[in-house]
């Protein structure tokens, strides 16, 4: 029942106050997160919880397949606010294995509007079809594509004017690429961190697959 959610909220708020009487007073005073999290909408990937941060410590943007699309005004508004107002120090793109959005982009079914949203992932899979198609197990192919989708979003961010302008101003921002496993609850750093324009060039020049 929907009322259960309101009761859960009451219990949660009461528990927080019992554990820390000043929690909500501090939370309402300001928002000063150091991190922007760009993650998937999947309900099994709760951003704050999996990194052990309280509300107010992580600014979160979520969409299907954790995309950083350069023409999506919702994403761009979040990015600009994070960089120019909140002045976050770290932007984390976090995908997850078994992502339903990536899976949908790789199969041949038509689902409607979501197919347009997932076009960047479909394009990525098409560009690297020669490598991905060699992976016979479809679940494994999806997981490899999930990792490379994270890389693509990190590159998009590294070339986004809000980020490049911030670097030009001397603002310190690092963009990271991580992936989460729902099976064990662990995050994996994909070693995609960029902190300056030359890092983006280095990442772009790096082979997508071990054999190039």
N, C-alpha and C. Protein backbone atom coordinates (compact mmCIF):
# COMPACT_ATOMS: atom_id res chain seq x y z
N UNK A 1 0.84 -1.20 0.00
CA UNK A 1 0.00 0.00 0.00
C UNK A 1 0.87 1.26 0.00
N UNK A 2 0.41 2.31 -0.65
CA UNK A 2 1.19 3.53 -0.75
C UNK A 2 1.41 4.17 0.61
N UNK A 3 0.47 3.98 1.53
CA UNK A 3 0.61 4.54 2.87
C UNK A 3 1.81 4.00 3.61
N UNK A 4 2.25 2.80 3.23
CA UNK A 4 3.43 2.21 3.86
C UNK A 4 4.66 3.10 3.68
N UNK A 5 4.75 3.75 2.53
CA UNK A 5 5.90 4.61 2.28
C UNK A 5 5.93 5.79 3.24
N UNK A 6 4.76 6.37 3.54
CA UNK A 6 4.71 7.48 4.48
C UNK A 6 5.08 7.01 5.89
N UNK A 7 4.61 5.84 6.26
CA UNK A 7 4.97 5.29 7.57
C UNK A 7 6.47 5.00 7.64
N UNK A 8 7.00 4.47 6.55
CA UNK A 8 8.45 4.20 6.52
C UNK A 8 9.23 5.49 6.68
N UNK A 9 8.74 6.56 6.04
CA UNK A 9 9.42 7.84 6.16
C UNK A 9 9.41 8.35 7.59
N UNK A 10 8.28 8.21 8.25
CA UNK A 10 8.18 8.66 9.64
C UNK A 10 9.15 7.89 10.53
N UNK A 11 9.21 6.59 10.30
CA UNK A 11 10.13 5.75 11.09
C UNK A 11 11.58 6.10 10.80
N UNK A 12 11.88 6.37 9.52
CA UNK A 12 13.24 6.73 9.14
C UNK A 12 13.66 8.05 9.77
N UNK A 13 12.79 9.06 9.67
CA UNK A 13 13.11 10.37 10.24
C UNK A 13 13.29 10.29 11.75
N UNK A 14 12.44 9.52 12.41
CA UNK A 14 12.55 9.37 13.86
C UNK A 14 13.86 8.70 14.24
N UNK A 15 14.22 7.68 13.47
CA UNK A 15 15.46 6.96 13.75
C UNK A 15 16.68 7.86 13.56
N UNK A 16 16.65 8.72 12.52
CA UNK A 16 17.76 9.62 12.28
C UNK A 16 17.92 10.61 13.43
N UNK A 17 16.80 11.13 13.93
CA UNK A 17 16.85 12.10 15.03
C UNK A 17 17.35 11.44 16.31
N UNK A 18 16.91 10.20 16.54
CA UNK A 18 17.38 9.50 17.74
C UNK A 18 18.89 9.28 17.67
N UNK A 19 19.38 8.93 16.51
CA UNK A 19 20.80 8.65 16.36
C UNK A 19 21.63 9.93 16.32
N UNK A 20 21.04 11.01 15.78
CA UNK A 20 21.77 12.26 15.60
C UNK A 20 20.77 13.41 15.68
N UNK A 21 20.55 13.97 16.87
CA UNK A 21 19.51 15.00 17.04
C UNK A 21 19.68 16.22 16.14
N UNK A 22 20.89 16.54 15.71
CA UNK A 22 21.09 17.73 14.89
C UNK A 22 21.14 17.45 13.40
N UNK A 23 20.81 16.22 12.99
CA UNK A 23 20.99 15.82 11.59
C UNK A 23 20.21 16.72 10.62
N UNK A 24 18.92 16.87 10.83
CA UNK A 24 18.10 17.62 9.88
C UNK A 24 18.36 19.13 9.97
N UNK A 25 18.77 19.61 11.13
CA UNK A 25 19.12 21.01 11.25
C UNK A 25 20.35 21.33 10.40
N UNK A 26 21.33 20.48 10.46
CA UNK A 26 22.52 20.68 9.64
C UNK A 26 22.20 20.51 8.16
N UNK A 27 21.38 19.52 7.84
CA UNK A 27 21.05 19.24 6.45
C UNK A 27 20.31 20.40 5.80
N UNK A 28 19.43 21.05 6.55
CA UNK A 28 18.64 22.14 5.99
C UNK A 28 19.44 23.43 5.86
N UNK A 29 20.59 23.52 6.51
CA UNK A 29 21.37 24.75 6.51
C UNK A 29 22.04 25.01 5.17
N UNK A 30 22.54 23.97 4.52
CA UNK A 30 23.23 24.18 3.25
C UNK A 30 23.38 22.86 2.51
N UNK A 31 23.66 22.99 1.21
CA UNK A 31 24.00 21.83 0.39
C UNK A 31 25.38 22.11 -0.20
N UNK A 32 26.37 21.30 0.18
CA UNK A 32 27.74 21.54 -0.30
C UNK A 32 28.42 20.22 -0.64
N UNK A 33 27.85 19.46 -1.57
CA UNK A 33 28.46 18.18 -1.92
C UNK A 33 29.74 18.37 -2.74
N UNK A 34 30.67 17.46 -2.58
CA UNK A 34 31.89 17.48 -3.38
C UNK A 34 31.77 16.61 -4.62
N UNK A 35 30.67 15.86 -4.70
CA UNK A 35 30.55 14.86 -5.75
C UNK A 35 29.25 15.02 -6.53
N UNK A 36 29.37 14.86 -7.85
CA UNK A 36 28.19 14.69 -8.71
C UNK A 36 28.20 13.24 -9.19
N UNK A 37 27.09 12.56 -8.98
CA UNK A 37 26.93 11.16 -9.36
C UNK A 37 26.01 11.09 -10.58
N UNK A 38 26.50 10.55 -11.67
CA UNK A 38 25.68 10.32 -12.86
C UNK A 38 25.49 8.82 -12.97
N UNK A 39 24.31 8.35 -12.61
CA UNK A 39 24.07 6.92 -12.53
C UNK A 39 22.83 6.49 -13.27
N UNK A 40 22.58 5.21 -13.24
CA UNK A 40 21.42 4.63 -13.90
C UNK A 40 20.19 4.76 -13.01
N UNK A 41 19.03 4.82 -13.64
CA UNK A 41 17.76 4.91 -12.90
C UNK A 41 17.38 3.61 -12.21
N UNK A 42 18.09 2.54 -12.49
CA UNK A 42 17.76 1.24 -11.92
C UNK A 42 17.58 1.35 -10.40
N UNK A 43 16.45 0.86 -9.91
CA UNK A 43 16.10 1.00 -8.50
C UNK A 43 17.01 0.19 -7.58
N UNK A 44 17.81 -0.69 -8.15
CA UNK A 44 18.71 -1.52 -7.33
C UNK A 44 20.08 -0.87 -7.12
N UNK A 45 20.23 0.37 -7.60
CA UNK A 45 21.52 1.04 -7.48
C UNK A 45 21.32 2.36 -6.73
N UNK A 46 21.14 2.30 -5.39
CA UNK A 46 20.90 3.52 -4.60
C UNK A 46 22.21 4.26 -4.35
N UNK A 47 22.38 5.39 -5.02
CA UNK A 47 23.67 6.07 -5.05
C UNK A 47 24.26 6.33 -3.67
N UNK A 48 23.52 7.05 -2.81
CA UNK A 48 24.07 7.39 -1.50
C UNK A 48 24.48 6.16 -0.70
N UNK A 49 23.63 5.15 -0.75
CA UNK A 49 23.86 3.98 0.10
C UNK A 49 25.11 3.21 -0.28
N UNK A 50 25.34 3.02 -1.58
CA UNK A 50 26.45 2.15 -1.97
C UNK A 50 27.81 2.81 -1.77
N UNK A 51 27.83 4.14 -1.58
CA UNK A 51 29.10 4.80 -1.26
C UNK A 51 29.12 5.29 0.19
N UNK A 52 28.10 4.98 0.94
CA UNK A 52 28.09 5.30 2.37
C UNK A 52 28.07 6.77 2.70
N UNK A 53 27.35 7.57 1.90
CA UNK A 53 27.27 9.00 2.15
C UNK A 53 25.85 9.39 2.58
N UNK A 54 25.78 10.41 3.41
CA UNK A 54 24.48 10.92 3.87
C UNK A 54 23.87 11.83 2.80
N UNK A 55 22.56 12.08 2.89
CA UNK A 55 21.95 13.08 2.03
C UNK A 55 22.68 14.41 2.18
N UNK A 56 22.87 15.11 1.07
CA UNK A 56 23.59 16.37 1.11
C UNK A 56 25.06 16.24 0.76
N UNK A 57 25.57 15.02 0.75
CA UNK A 57 26.99 14.81 0.45
C UNK A 57 27.22 14.36 -0.99
N UNK A 58 26.15 14.03 -1.69
CA UNK A 58 26.26 13.53 -3.06
C UNK A 58 25.14 14.14 -3.89
N UNK A 59 25.50 14.89 -4.93
CA UNK A 59 24.49 15.45 -5.84
C UNK A 59 24.26 14.41 -6.93
N UNK A 60 23.01 14.05 -7.17
CA UNK A 60 22.72 12.87 -7.97
C UNK A 60 21.88 13.20 -9.20
N UNK A 61 22.32 12.67 -10.34
CA UNK A 61 21.53 12.70 -11.57
C UNK A 61 21.46 11.27 -12.09
N UNK A 62 20.23 10.80 -12.33
CA UNK A 62 20.07 9.43 -12.80
C UNK A 62 19.19 9.40 -14.03
N UNK A 63 19.56 8.53 -14.96
CA UNK A 63 18.73 8.30 -16.13
C UNK A 63 19.00 6.88 -16.63
N UNK A 64 18.21 6.44 -17.58
CA UNK A 64 18.38 5.08 -18.08
C UNK A 64 19.72 4.96 -18.80
N UNK A 65 20.53 4.01 -18.33
CA UNK A 65 21.85 3.69 -18.89
C UNK A 65 22.90 4.73 -18.57
N UNK A 66 22.69 5.54 -17.53
CA UNK A 66 23.69 6.50 -17.03
C UNK A 66 24.39 7.28 -18.14
N UNK A 67 23.59 7.96 -18.95
CA UNK A 67 24.14 8.71 -20.08
C UNK A 67 24.46 10.16 -19.68
N UNK A 68 25.41 10.74 -20.41
CA UNK A 68 25.76 12.16 -20.27
C UNK A 68 25.55 12.83 -21.61
N UNK A 69 24.31 12.85 -22.11
CA UNK A 69 24.04 13.31 -23.48
C UNK A 69 24.25 14.81 -23.63
N UNK A 70 25.02 15.23 -24.62
CA UNK A 70 25.36 16.65 -24.77
C UNK A 70 24.20 17.53 -25.20
N UNK A 71 23.05 16.96 -25.54
CA UNK A 71 21.91 17.77 -25.98
C UNK A 71 20.70 17.62 -25.06
N UNK A 72 20.88 16.96 -23.93
CA UNK A 72 19.77 16.78 -22.99
C UNK A 72 19.78 17.92 -21.98
N UNK A 73 18.77 18.77 -22.02
CA UNK A 73 18.77 19.97 -21.20
C UNK A 73 18.68 19.65 -19.71
N UNK A 74 18.03 18.56 -19.36
CA UNK A 74 17.95 18.15 -17.97
C UNK A 74 19.35 17.85 -17.44
N UNK A 75 20.07 17.00 -18.17
CA UNK A 75 21.43 16.67 -17.76
C UNK A 75 22.32 17.91 -17.74
N UNK A 76 22.22 18.76 -18.77
CA UNK A 76 23.08 19.93 -18.86
C UNK A 76 22.83 20.90 -17.71
N UNK A 77 21.56 21.04 -17.30
CA UNK A 77 21.24 21.92 -16.17
C UNK A 77 21.88 21.39 -14.88
N UNK A 78 21.80 20.08 -14.69
CA UNK A 78 22.42 19.47 -13.51
C UNK A 78 23.93 19.67 -13.54
N UNK A 79 24.53 19.45 -14.70
CA UNK A 79 25.98 19.57 -14.82
C UNK A 79 26.43 21.00 -14.56
N UNK A 80 25.77 21.97 -15.19
CA UNK A 80 26.16 23.37 -14.99
C UNK A 80 26.01 23.79 -13.53
N UNK A 81 24.90 23.42 -12.92
CA UNK A 81 24.68 23.78 -11.51
C UNK A 81 25.75 23.14 -10.62
N UNK A 82 26.08 21.90 -10.91
CA UNK A 82 27.08 21.19 -10.10
C UNK A 82 28.45 21.85 -10.21
N UNK A 83 28.81 22.20 -11.43
CA UNK A 83 30.14 22.75 -11.68
C UNK A 83 30.25 24.21 -11.26
N UNK A 84 29.27 25.02 -11.64
CA UNK A 84 29.40 26.47 -11.46
C UNK A 84 28.84 26.99 -10.14
N UNK A 85 27.87 26.29 -9.57
CA UNK A 85 27.27 26.75 -8.31
C UNK A 85 27.77 25.92 -7.13
N UNK A 86 27.58 24.62 -7.21
CA UNK A 86 28.05 23.76 -6.12
C UNK A 86 29.56 23.59 -6.13
N UNK A 87 30.17 23.74 -7.30
CA UNK A 87 31.62 23.60 -7.47
C UNK A 87 32.11 22.25 -6.95
N UNK A 88 31.48 21.20 -7.46
CA UNK A 88 31.88 19.85 -7.07
C UNK A 88 33.32 19.60 -7.51
N UNK A 89 34.00 18.72 -6.80
CA UNK A 89 35.39 18.39 -7.12
C UNK A 89 35.50 17.11 -7.94
N UNK A 90 34.46 16.28 -7.87
CA UNK A 90 34.50 14.99 -8.55
C UNK A 90 33.16 14.72 -9.23
N UNK A 91 33.23 14.26 -10.48
CA UNK A 91 32.05 13.79 -11.21
C UNK A 91 32.25 12.30 -11.44
N UNK A 92 31.31 11.52 -10.98
CA UNK A 92 31.40 10.06 -11.08
C UNK A 92 30.33 9.55 -12.03
N UNK A 93 30.76 8.93 -13.12
CA UNK A 93 29.83 8.22 -13.99
C UNK A 93 29.83 6.77 -13.52
N UNK A 94 28.69 6.30 -13.07
CA UNK A 94 28.63 4.94 -12.54
C UNK A 94 27.60 4.11 -13.30
N UNK A 95 28.08 3.14 -14.05
CA UNK A 95 27.20 2.17 -14.69
C UNK A 95 27.02 0.96 -13.79
N UNK A 96 26.32 -0.03 -14.28
CA UNK A 96 26.20 -1.27 -13.52
C UNK A 96 26.08 -2.44 -14.47
N UNK A 97 26.63 -3.56 -14.06
CA UNK A 97 26.56 -4.76 -14.88
C UNK A 97 25.11 -5.21 -15.02
N UNK A 98 24.80 -5.77 -16.17
CA UNK A 98 23.45 -6.24 -16.43
C UNK A 98 22.46 -5.13 -16.67
N UNK A 99 22.93 -3.94 -17.04
CA UNK A 99 22.05 -2.78 -17.22
C UNK A 99 20.98 -3.08 -18.27
N UNK A 100 19.72 -2.89 -17.90
CA UNK A 100 18.62 -3.16 -18.82
C UNK A 100 18.62 -2.23 -20.02
N UNK A 101 19.07 -0.99 -19.82
CA UNK A 101 19.14 -0.06 -20.94
C UNK A 101 20.17 -0.49 -21.96
N UNK A 102 21.35 -0.89 -21.51
CA UNK A 102 22.39 -1.36 -22.42
C UNK A 102 21.93 -2.63 -23.12
N UNK A 103 21.29 -3.51 -22.36
CA UNK A 103 20.77 -4.75 -22.95
C UNK A 103 19.77 -4.43 -24.06
N UNK A 104 18.89 -3.47 -23.81
CA UNK A 104 17.89 -3.10 -24.81
C UNK A 104 18.54 -2.51 -26.05
N UNK A 105 19.65 -1.79 -25.86
CA UNK A 105 20.34 -1.19 -27.01
C UNK A 105 21.04 -2.24 -27.85
N UNK A 106 21.36 -3.39 -27.26
CA UNK A 106 22.10 -4.43 -27.98
C UNK A 106 21.20 -5.46 -28.65
N UNK A 107 19.96 -5.60 -28.18
CA UNK A 107 19.10 -6.61 -28.81
C UNK A 107 18.34 -5.98 -29.99
N UNK A 108 17.47 -6.72 -30.61
CA UNK A 108 16.81 -6.24 -31.84
C UNK A 108 15.36 -5.85 -31.62
N UNK A 109 14.89 -5.85 -30.38
CA UNK A 109 13.50 -5.51 -30.12
C UNK A 109 13.27 -4.00 -30.19
N UNK A 110 12.05 -3.62 -30.57
CA UNK A 110 11.67 -2.21 -30.60
C UNK A 110 10.76 -1.92 -29.41
N UNK A 111 11.07 -0.83 -28.70
CA UNK A 111 10.32 -0.51 -27.49
C UNK A 111 9.70 0.88 -27.52
N UNK A 112 9.95 1.65 -28.57
CA UNK A 112 9.35 2.97 -28.66
C UNK A 112 10.33 4.08 -28.34
N UNK A 113 9.89 5.03 -27.53
CA UNK A 113 10.68 6.22 -27.24
C UNK A 113 12.05 5.89 -26.66
N UNK A 114 12.10 4.86 -25.84
CA UNK A 114 13.37 4.50 -25.20
C UNK A 114 14.45 4.16 -26.22
N UNK A 115 14.05 3.67 -27.40
CA UNK A 115 15.03 3.37 -28.44
C UNK A 115 15.78 4.64 -28.86
N UNK A 116 15.09 5.77 -28.87
CA UNK A 116 15.74 7.04 -29.23
C UNK A 116 16.70 7.48 -28.13
N UNK A 117 16.27 7.34 -26.89
CA UNK A 117 17.14 7.71 -25.76
C UNK A 117 18.43 6.88 -25.77
N UNK A 118 18.29 5.60 -26.12
CA UNK A 118 19.44 4.69 -26.07
C UNK A 118 20.27 4.70 -27.35
N UNK A 119 19.96 5.61 -28.27
CA UNK A 119 20.69 5.64 -29.54
C UNK A 119 22.20 5.77 -29.36
N UNK A 120 22.69 6.57 -28.38
CA UNK A 120 24.15 6.63 -28.20
C UNK A 120 24.77 5.28 -27.86
N UNK A 121 24.04 4.47 -27.08
CA UNK A 121 24.56 3.14 -26.73
C UNK A 121 24.51 2.23 -27.95
N UNK A 122 23.43 2.32 -28.71
CA UNK A 122 23.32 1.54 -29.94
C UNK A 122 24.44 1.90 -30.91
N UNK A 123 24.72 3.21 -31.04
CA UNK A 123 25.80 3.66 -31.92
C UNK A 123 27.14 3.13 -31.45
N UNK A 124 27.35 3.15 -30.14
CA UNK A 124 28.59 2.62 -29.57
C UNK A 124 28.75 1.14 -29.90
N UNK A 125 27.67 0.39 -29.72
CA UNK A 125 27.71 -1.04 -30.02
C UNK A 125 27.95 -1.29 -31.50
N UNK A 126 27.38 -0.45 -32.35
CA UNK A 126 27.57 -0.60 -33.80
C UNK A 126 29.03 -0.34 -34.18
N UNK A 127 29.62 0.70 -33.59
CA UNK A 127 31.01 1.02 -33.91
C UNK A 127 31.97 -0.09 -33.52
N UNK A 128 31.62 -0.81 -32.46
CA UNK A 128 32.52 -1.85 -31.96
C UNK A 128 31.93 -3.25 -32.15
N UNK A 129 31.05 -3.37 -33.12
CA UNK A 129 30.38 -4.66 -33.35
C UNK A 129 31.38 -5.76 -33.67
N UNK A 130 32.45 -5.42 -34.36
CA UNK A 130 33.44 -6.44 -34.70
C UNK A 130 34.04 -7.10 -33.49
N UNK A 131 34.15 -6.37 -32.40
CA UNK A 131 34.69 -6.94 -31.15
C UNK A 131 33.57 -7.53 -30.29
N UNK A 132 32.47 -6.80 -30.16
CA UNK A 132 31.39 -7.28 -29.30
C UNK A 132 30.77 -8.56 -29.82
N UNK A 133 30.63 -8.68 -31.14
CA UNK A 133 29.99 -9.86 -31.71
C UNK A 133 30.82 -11.13 -31.52
N UNK A 134 32.09 -10.96 -31.19
CA UNK A 134 32.93 -12.13 -30.92
C UNK A 134 32.63 -12.75 -29.56
N UNK A 135 31.91 -12.00 -28.73
CA UNK A 135 31.55 -12.49 -27.39
C UNK A 135 30.25 -13.26 -27.52
N UNK A 136 30.33 -14.57 -27.50
CA UNK A 136 29.16 -15.40 -27.80
C UNK A 136 28.09 -15.34 -26.72
N UNK A 137 28.50 -15.23 -25.46
CA UNK A 137 27.52 -15.18 -24.38
C UNK A 137 26.93 -13.78 -24.30
N UNK A 138 25.61 -13.67 -24.48
CA UNK A 138 24.98 -12.35 -24.57
C UNK A 138 25.11 -11.56 -23.27
N UNK A 139 24.98 -12.20 -22.12
CA UNK A 139 25.11 -11.50 -20.85
C UNK A 139 26.51 -10.91 -20.69
N UNK A 140 27.51 -11.67 -21.09
CA UNK A 140 28.88 -11.16 -21.03
C UNK A 140 29.07 -9.99 -21.98
N UNK A 141 28.47 -10.10 -23.17
CA UNK A 141 28.55 -9.01 -24.15
C UNK A 141 27.92 -7.74 -23.59
N UNK A 142 26.78 -7.89 -22.92
CA UNK A 142 26.12 -6.74 -22.30
C UNK A 142 27.04 -6.12 -21.25
N UNK A 143 27.66 -6.93 -20.42
CA UNK A 143 28.52 -6.40 -19.36
C UNK A 143 29.74 -5.66 -19.91
N UNK A 144 30.31 -6.19 -20.98
CA UNK A 144 31.42 -5.49 -21.63
C UNK A 144 30.95 -4.15 -22.19
N UNK A 145 29.77 -4.16 -22.81
CA UNK A 145 29.21 -2.92 -23.35
C UNK A 145 28.89 -1.94 -22.23
N UNK A 146 28.49 -2.42 -21.06
CA UNK A 146 28.23 -1.54 -19.91
C UNK A 146 29.51 -0.79 -19.53
N UNK A 147 30.63 -1.50 -19.51
CA UNK A 147 31.90 -0.86 -19.18
C UNK A 147 32.27 0.20 -20.21
N UNK A 148 32.11 -0.14 -21.49
CA UNK A 148 32.49 0.80 -22.53
C UNK A 148 31.52 1.97 -22.64
N UNK A 149 30.28 1.76 -22.23
CA UNK A 149 29.34 2.87 -22.17
C UNK A 149 29.79 3.89 -21.13
N UNK A 150 30.29 3.41 -19.99
CA UNK A 150 30.81 4.32 -18.97
C UNK A 150 31.96 5.13 -19.56
N UNK A 151 32.86 4.45 -20.26
CA UNK A 151 33.99 5.16 -20.87
C UNK A 151 33.51 6.25 -21.83
N UNK A 152 32.52 5.94 -22.65
CA UNK A 152 32.01 6.93 -23.60
C UNK A 152 31.46 8.15 -22.89
N UNK A 153 30.76 7.94 -21.77
CA UNK A 153 30.18 9.08 -21.04
C UNK A 153 31.27 9.92 -20.39
N UNK A 154 32.33 9.27 -19.90
CA UNK A 154 33.46 10.01 -19.34
C UNK A 154 34.08 10.91 -20.42
N UNK A 155 34.23 10.36 -21.62
CA UNK A 155 34.78 11.16 -22.73
C UNK A 155 33.85 12.32 -23.08
N UNK A 156 32.54 12.06 -23.13
CA UNK A 156 31.60 13.15 -23.41
C UNK A 156 31.76 14.27 -22.39
N UNK A 157 31.87 13.90 -21.12
CA UNK A 157 32.01 14.89 -20.07
C UNK A 157 33.32 15.66 -20.21
N UNK A 158 34.37 14.96 -20.59
CA UNK A 158 35.66 15.61 -20.74
C UNK A 158 35.71 16.62 -21.86
N UNK A 159 34.73 16.55 -22.77
CA UNK A 159 34.67 17.50 -23.87
C UNK A 159 33.48 18.45 -23.75
N UNK A 160 32.74 18.34 -22.64
CA UNK A 160 31.60 19.22 -22.43
C UNK A 160 32.09 20.63 -22.08
N UNK A 161 31.53 21.66 -22.71
CA UNK A 161 32.00 23.03 -22.45
C UNK A 161 31.95 23.45 -20.98
N UNK A 162 30.97 22.98 -20.22
CA UNK A 162 30.93 23.34 -18.80
C UNK A 162 32.16 22.82 -18.07
N UNK A 163 32.60 21.63 -18.43
CA UNK A 163 33.78 21.04 -17.79
C UNK A 163 35.06 21.67 -18.33
N UNK A 164 35.16 21.81 -19.64
CA UNK A 164 36.39 22.37 -20.21
C UNK A 164 36.57 23.84 -19.81
N UNK A 165 35.49 24.59 -19.72
CA UNK A 165 35.59 25.98 -19.27
C UNK A 165 36.05 26.05 -17.82
N UNK A 166 35.56 25.12 -17.01
CA UNK A 166 35.98 25.08 -15.60
C UNK A 166 37.47 24.78 -15.50
N UNK A 167 37.94 23.83 -16.27
CA UNK A 167 39.38 23.54 -16.28
C UNK A 167 40.17 24.76 -16.72
N UNK A 168 39.68 25.47 -17.72
CA UNK A 168 40.37 26.64 -18.22
C UNK A 168 40.46 27.72 -17.15
N UNK A 169 39.44 27.79 -16.28
CA UNK A 169 39.46 28.76 -15.17
C UNK A 169 40.37 28.33 -14.04
N UNK A 170 40.88 27.12 -14.11
CA UNK A 170 41.71 26.60 -13.04
C UNK A 170 40.94 25.85 -11.98
N UNK A 171 39.66 25.60 -12.22
CA UNK A 171 38.84 24.85 -11.27
C UNK A 171 39.23 23.39 -11.31
N UNK A 172 39.40 22.79 -10.14
CA UNK A 172 39.83 21.40 -10.06
C UNK A 172 38.61 20.48 -10.09
N UNK A 173 38.47 19.74 -11.18
CA UNK A 173 37.39 18.77 -11.33
C UNK A 173 37.98 17.50 -11.93
N UNK A 174 37.69 16.38 -11.30
CA UNK A 174 38.09 15.08 -11.84
C UNK A 174 36.83 14.31 -12.22
N UNK A 175 36.88 13.67 -13.38
CA UNK A 175 35.77 12.83 -13.85
C UNK A 175 36.23 11.38 -13.76
N UNK A 176 35.41 10.55 -13.13
CA UNK A 176 35.76 9.15 -12.89
C UNK A 176 34.75 8.22 -13.55
N UNK A 177 35.19 7.06 -13.95
CA UNK A 177 34.31 6.04 -14.50
C UNK A 177 34.31 4.80 -13.63
N UNK A 178 33.17 4.49 -13.05
CA UNK A 178 33.03 3.33 -12.17
C UNK A 178 31.92 2.42 -12.69
N UNK A 179 31.92 1.20 -12.19
CA UNK A 179 30.81 0.29 -12.49
C UNK A 179 30.48 -0.52 -11.25
N UNK A 180 29.21 -0.82 -11.09
CA UNK A 180 28.68 -1.46 -9.88
C UNK A 180 28.14 -2.83 -10.22
N UNK A 181 28.38 -3.77 -9.34
CA UNK A 181 27.82 -5.12 -9.51
C UNK A 181 26.69 -5.33 -8.51
N UNK A 182 25.52 -5.55 -9.03
CA UNK A 182 24.37 -5.82 -8.16
C UNK A 182 24.52 -7.17 -7.46
N UNK A 183 25.30 -8.06 -8.05
CA UNK A 183 25.46 -9.40 -7.48
C UNK A 183 26.20 -9.40 -6.15
N UNK A 184 27.19 -8.49 -6.00
CA UNK A 184 27.95 -8.49 -4.75
C UNK A 184 27.97 -7.13 -4.05
N UNK A 185 27.36 -6.10 -4.66
CA UNK A 185 27.30 -4.80 -4.04
C UNK A 185 28.58 -3.99 -4.10
N UNK A 186 29.53 -4.41 -4.94
CA UNK A 186 30.83 -3.75 -4.98
C UNK A 186 30.98 -2.86 -6.21
N UNK A 187 31.70 -1.77 -6.01
CA UNK A 187 32.05 -0.85 -7.08
C UNK A 187 33.43 -1.20 -7.63
N UNK A 188 33.61 -0.97 -8.91
CA UNK A 188 34.91 -1.18 -9.53
C UNK A 188 35.32 0.09 -10.28
N UNK A 189 36.53 0.56 -10.00
CA UNK A 189 37.08 1.71 -10.69
C UNK A 189 37.62 1.22 -12.03
N UNK A 190 37.11 1.79 -13.14
CA UNK A 190 37.52 1.35 -14.48
C UNK A 190 38.77 2.05 -14.99
N UNK A 191 39.44 2.82 -14.12
CA UNK A 191 40.70 3.49 -14.47
C UNK A 191 40.50 4.41 -15.67
N UNK A 192 39.51 5.28 -15.58
CA UNK A 192 39.18 6.21 -16.67
C UNK A 192 39.26 7.67 -16.22
N UNK A 193 39.86 7.92 -15.08
CA UNK A 193 39.84 9.26 -14.50
C UNK A 193 40.53 10.29 -15.39
N UNK A 194 39.85 11.43 -15.57
CA UNK A 194 40.41 12.54 -16.33
C UNK A 194 40.33 13.80 -15.47
N UNK A 195 41.39 14.63 -15.53
CA UNK A 195 41.45 15.82 -14.70
C UNK A 195 41.84 17.07 -15.49
N UNK A 196 42.13 16.90 -16.77
CA UNK A 196 42.57 18.01 -17.62
C UNK A 196 42.36 17.60 -19.08
N UNK A 197 42.35 18.56 -20.00
CA UNK A 197 42.09 18.22 -21.40
C UNK A 197 43.01 17.15 -21.98
N UNK A 198 44.28 17.18 -21.62
CA UNK A 198 45.19 16.19 -22.19
C UNK A 198 44.85 14.77 -21.74
N UNK A 199 44.20 14.65 -20.58
CA UNK A 199 43.75 13.32 -20.13
C UNK A 199 42.66 12.79 -21.04
N UNK A 200 41.81 13.70 -21.53
CA UNK A 200 40.74 13.30 -22.44
C UNK A 200 41.34 12.79 -23.75
N UNK A 201 42.35 13.50 -24.25
CA UNK A 201 43.03 13.06 -25.48
C UNK A 201 43.68 11.70 -25.29
N UNK A 202 44.28 11.52 -24.12
CA UNK A 202 44.92 10.23 -23.83
C UNK A 202 43.89 9.11 -23.80
N UNK A 203 42.75 9.37 -23.16
CA UNK A 203 41.71 8.36 -23.08
C UNK A 203 41.14 8.05 -24.46
N UNK A 204 40.95 9.08 -25.28
CA UNK A 204 40.42 8.89 -26.63
C UNK A 204 41.35 8.04 -27.48
N UNK A 205 42.66 8.17 -27.25
CA UNK A 205 43.63 7.43 -28.04
C UNK A 205 43.82 5.98 -27.58
N UNK A 206 43.32 5.69 -26.39
CA UNK A 206 43.48 4.35 -25.82
C UNK A 206 42.57 3.36 -26.52
N UNK A 207 43.10 2.18 -26.80
CA UNK A 207 42.31 1.15 -27.48
C UNK A 207 41.10 0.75 -26.63
N UNK A 208 39.98 0.54 -27.29
CA UNK A 208 38.76 0.13 -26.59
C UNK A 208 38.82 -1.32 -26.16
N UNK A 209 39.52 -2.15 -26.94
CA UNK A 209 39.63 -3.56 -26.62
C UNK A 209 41.11 -3.93 -26.62
N UNK A 210 41.50 -4.96 -25.86
CA UNK A 210 42.92 -5.31 -25.71
C UNK A 210 43.66 -5.48 -27.03
N UNK A 211 42.97 -5.97 -28.05
CA UNK A 211 43.63 -6.20 -29.33
C UNK A 211 43.47 -5.01 -30.27
N UNK A 212 43.04 -3.86 -29.69
CA UNK A 212 42.90 -2.63 -30.47
C UNK A 212 41.53 -2.47 -31.08
